[in-house]
Amino acid sequence: LNTSTTNAPAVVIVQSEITKMDSLPDGVSIDDAYKSDSLYKVMENTGSFNLDNQTTVDINGKPAHQFRYTVTYTQYVDTWIEDNGHYYRILCQAPSTVFGSAESQFDIILGSFKIKS
């Protein structure tokens, strides 16, 4: 990316993170797993959290709960899979200004995710 005033490259952070958990926090189910994020309460209390979409998707033959939300100027795709008593979270995020460009890369990550038994 170039800034309009200097033509210098700007740094944009696009991130994907995969986490495995043995359980969800008390009061949180797979249906609202995004609430297990340690920053969720902060995001919600500031009024900058907006749940844009919640759906069930297929990740390599397994049902997954996917939450798309926006916090201030960042968009998230937060996907949760439950398998054999474990929870897998694939969290992808990018600034709203470049999210459309990063989304195809997020789709590749989600489409290639496999749980080995």
C-alpha atoms as a PDB file:
ATOM      1  CA  LEU A   1       0.000   0.000   0.000  1.00  0.00           C
ATOM      2  CA  ASN A   2       1.121   3.526  -0.659  1.00  0.00           C
ATOM      3  CA  THR A   3       0.128   6.551   1.328  1.00  0.00           C
ATOM      4  CA  SER A   4      -1.286   9.313  -0.809  1.00  0.00           C
ATOM      5  CA  THR A   5       1.015  12.048   0.514  1.00  0.00           C
ATOM      6  CA  THR A   6       4.425  10.376   0.540  1.00  0.00           C
ATOM      7  CA  ASN A   7       4.102   7.315  -1.707  1.00  0.00           C
ATOM      8  CA  ALA A   8       5.898   5.458   1.087  1.00  0.00           C
ATOM      9  CA  PRO A   9       4.747   1.921   1.811  1.00  0.00           C
ATOM     10  CA  ALA A  10       2.341   1.623   4.720  1.00  0.00           C
ATOM     11  CA  VAL A  11       2.298  -1.376   6.987  1.00  0.00           C
ATOM     12  CA  VAL A  12      -0.971  -3.295   7.115  1.00  0.00           C
ATOM     13  CA  ILE A  13      -1.310  -6.215   9.502  1.00  0.00           C
ATOM     14  CA  VAL A  14      -3.355  -9.147   8.233  1.00  0.00           C
ATOM     15  CA  GLN A  15      -3.396 -12.043  10.657  1.00  0.00           C
ATOM     16  CA  SER A  16      -4.611 -15.623  10.953  1.00  0.00           C
ATOM     17  CA  GLU A  17      -4.322 -17.644  14.132  1.00  0.00           C
ATOM     18  CA  ILE A  18      -5.271 -21.268  14.831  1.00  0.00           C
ATOM     19  CA  THR A  19      -5.858 -22.344  18.425  1.00  0.00           C
ATOM     20  CA  LYS A  20      -6.819 -25.681  20.003  1.00  0.00           C
ATOM     21  CA  MET A  21      -8.681 -25.718  23.329  1.00  0.00           C
ATOM     22  CA  ASP A  22      -9.905 -28.508  25.554  1.00  0.00           C
ATOM     23  CA  SER A  23     -12.943 -26.562  26.754  1.00  0.00           C
ATOM     24  CA  LEU A  24     -14.793 -23.297  26.445  1.00  0.00           C
ATOM     25  CA  PRO A  25     -15.171 -20.867  29.353  1.00  0.00           C
ATOM     26  CA  ASP A  26     -18.174 -21.251  31.659  1.00  0.00           C
ATOM     27  CA  GLY A  27     -21.326 -19.814  30.129  1.00  0.00           C
ATOM     28  CA  VAL A  28     -19.988 -19.978  26.551  1.00  0.00           C
ATOM     29  CA  SER A  29     -21.130 -22.571  24.010  1.00  0.00           C
ATOM     30  CA  ILE A  30     -20.052 -23.297  20.466  1.00  0.00           C
ATOM     31  CA  ASP A  31     -23.063 -21.202  19.371  1.00  0.00           C
ATOM     32  CA  ASP A  32     -21.508 -18.040  20.830  1.00  0.00           C
ATOM     33  CA  ALA A  33     -17.862 -19.091  21.004  1.00  0.00           C
ATOM     34  CA  TYR A  34     -16.597 -15.689  19.846  1.00  0.00           C
ATOM     35  CA  LYS A  35     -17.435 -14.471  23.362  1.00  0.00           C
ATOM     36  CA  SER A  36     -14.571 -16.583  24.726  1.00  0.00           C
ATOM     37  CA  ASP A  37     -12.066 -14.072  23.321  1.00  0.00           C
ATOM     38  CA  SER A  38     -10.367 -12.378  26.254  1.00  0.00           C
ATOM     39  CA  LEU A  39     -10.957  -8.985  24.630  1.00  0.00           C
ATOM     40  CA  TYR A  40     -14.650  -9.566  23.864  1.00  0.00           C
ATOM     41  CA  LYS A  41     -15.962  -7.820  26.990  1.00  0.00           C
ATOM     42  CA  VAL A  42     -13.703  -4.833  26.331  1.00  0.00           C
ATOM     43  CA  MET A  43     -14.810  -4.686  22.686  1.00  0.00           C
ATOM     44  CA  GLU A  44     -18.478  -4.988  23.614  1.00  0.00           C
ATOM     45  CA  ASN A  45     -18.308  -2.441  26.450  1.00  0.00           C
ATOM     46  CA  THR A  46     -16.722   0.203  24.213  1.00  0.00           C
ATOM     47  CA  GLY A  47     -19.639  -0.096  21.822  1.00  0.00           C
ATOM     48  CA  SER A  48     -17.317  -0.777  18.922  1.00  0.00           C
ATOM     49  CA  PHE A  49     -18.231  -4.497  18.562  1.00  0.00           C
ATOM     50  CA  ASN A  50     -20.709  -5.400  15.809  1.00  0.00           C
ATOM     51  CA  LEU A  51     -21.628  -9.014  15.005  1.00  0.00           C
ATOM     52  CA  ASP A  52     -22.155  -8.795  11.238  1.00  0.00           C
ATOM     53  CA  ASN A  53     -23.043 -12.429  10.495  1.00  0.00           C
ATOM     54  CA  GLN A  54     -23.299 -15.789  12.232  1.00  0.00           C
ATOM     55  CA  THR A  55     -23.631 -18.995  10.231  1.00  0.00           C
ATOM     56  CA  THR A  56     -22.725 -22.672  10.054  1.00  0.00           C
ATOM     57  CA  VAL A  57     -20.196 -23.661   7.397  1.00  0.00           C
ATOM     58  CA  ASP A  58     -18.495 -26.885   6.355  1.00  0.00           C
ATOM     59  CA  ILE A  59     -14.773 -27.168   7.081  1.00  0.00           C
ATOM     60  CA  ASN A  60     -13.363 -30.356   5.583  1.00  0.00           C
ATOM     61  CA  GLY A  61     -16.578 -32.316   6.199  1.00  0.00           C
ATOM     62  CA  LYS A  62     -17.154 -30.992   9.708  1.00  0.00           C
ATOM     63  CA  PRO A  63     -19.772 -28.431  10.731  1.00  0.00           C
ATOM     64  CA  ALA A  64     -18.206 -25.207  11.951  1.00  0.00           C
ATOM     65  CA  HIS A  65     -19.668 -22.109  13.526  1.00  0.00           C
ATOM     66  CA  GLN A  66     -18.507 -18.948  11.834  1.00  0.00           C
ATOM     67  CA  PHE A  67     -18.849 -15.462  13.224  1.00  0.00           C
ATOM     68  CA  ARG A  68     -18.045 -12.373  11.207  1.00  0.00           C
ATOM     69  CA  TYR A  69     -17.703  -9.215  13.214  1.00  0.00           C
ATOM     70  CA  THR A  70     -16.268  -5.744  13.061  1.00  0.00           C
ATOM     71  CA  VAL A  71     -14.483  -3.921  15.861  1.00  0.00           C
ATOM     72  CA  THR A  72     -13.770  -0.284  15.088  1.00  0.00           C
ATOM     73  CA  TYR A  73     -11.741  -0.505  11.839  1.00  0.00           C
ATOM     74  CA  THR A  74     -10.923  -4.232  11.847  1.00  0.00           C
ATOM     75  CA  GLN A  75     -12.990  -7.087  10.419  1.00  0.00           C
ATOM     76  CA  TYR A  76     -12.801 -10.645  11.743  1.00  0.00           C
ATOM     77  CA  VAL A  77     -13.740 -14.099  10.499  1.00  0.00           C
ATOM     78  CA  ASP A  78     -13.861 -16.257  13.640  1.00  0.00           C
ATOM     79  CA  THR A  79     -14.486 -19.943  12.857  1.00  0.00           C
ATOM     80  CA  TRP A  80     -14.982 -22.653  15.503  1.00  0.00           C
ATOM     81  CA  ILE A  81     -14.975 -26.435  15.054  1.00  0.00           C
ATOM     82  CA  GLU A  82     -15.744 -28.987  17.766  1.00  0.00           C
ATOM     83  CA  ASP A  83     -14.139 -32.420  17.351  1.00  0.00           C
ATOM     84  CA  ASN A  84     -13.628 -35.239  19.869  1.00  0.00           C
ATOM     85  CA  GLY A  85     -14.060 -32.971  22.879  1.00  0.00           C
ATOM     86  CA  HIS A  86     -11.683 -30.311  21.565  1.00  0.00           C
ATOM     87  CA  TYR A  87     -12.401 -26.893  20.116  1.00  0.00           C
ATOM     88  CA  TYR A  88     -10.448 -25.449  17.213  1.00  0.00           C
ATOM     89  CA  ARG A  89     -10.555 -21.742  16.504  1.00  0.00           C
ATOM     90  CA  ILE A  90      -9.397 -20.183  13.246  1.00  0.00           C
ATOM     91  CA  LEU A  91      -9.342 -16.424  13.712  1.00  0.00           C
ATOM     92  CA  CYS A  92      -8.607 -14.266  10.681  1.00  0.00           C
ATOM     93  CA  GLN A  93      -8.487 -10.491  10.805  1.00  0.00           C
ATOM     94  CA  ALA A  94      -7.628  -7.521   8.638  1.00  0.00           C
ATOM     95  CA  PRO A  95      -8.232  -3.789   8.633  1.00  0.00           C
ATOM     96  CA  SER A  96     -11.590  -3.005   7.034  1.00  0.00           C
ATOM     97  CA  THR A  97      -9.829  -1.072   4.258  1.00  0.00           C
ATOM     98  CA  VAL A  98      -8.054  -4.209   2.969  1.00  0.00           C
ATOM     99  CA  PHE A  99     -10.369  -6.959   4.217  1.00  0.00           C
ATOM    100  CA  GLY A 100     -11.821  -7.619   0.757  1.00  0.00           C
ATOM    101  CA  SER A 101      -8.332  -8.295  -0.611  1.00  0.00           C
ATOM    102  CA  ALA A 102      -7.388 -10.566   2.295  1.00  0.00           C
ATOM    103  CA  GLU A 103     -10.633 -12.542   2.351  1.00  0.00           C
ATOM    104  CA  SER A 104      -9.606 -14.929  -0.448  1.00  0.00           C
ATOM    105  CA  GLN A 105      -6.484 -15.849   1.546  1.00  0.00           C
ATOM    106  CA  PHE A 106      -8.644 -16.490   4.596  1.00  0.00           C
ATOM    107  CA  ASP A 107     -10.844 -18.771   2.466  1.00  0.00           C
ATOM    108  CA  ILE A 108      -7.739 -20.769   1.441  1.00  0.00           C
ATOM    109  CA  ILE A 109      -6.755 -21.218   5.104  1.00  0.00           C
ATOM    110  CA  LEU A 110     -10.254 -22.354   6.058  1.00  0.00           C
ATOM    111  CA  GLY A 111     -10.564 -24.631   3.022  1.00  0.00           C
ATOM    112  CA  SER A 112      -7.280 -26.395   3.730  1.00  0.00           C
ATOM    113  CA  PHE A 113      -7.749 -26.870   7.495  1.00  0.00           C
ATOM    114  CA  LYS A 114      -7.777 -30.556   8.512  1.00  0.00           C
ATOM    115  CA  ILE A 115      -8.022 -32.191  11.914  1.00  0.00           C
ATOM    116  CA  LYS A 116      -5.955 -35.335  12.250  1.00  0.00           C
ATOM    117  CA  SER A 117      -7.515 -37.987  14.439  1.00  0.00           C
END
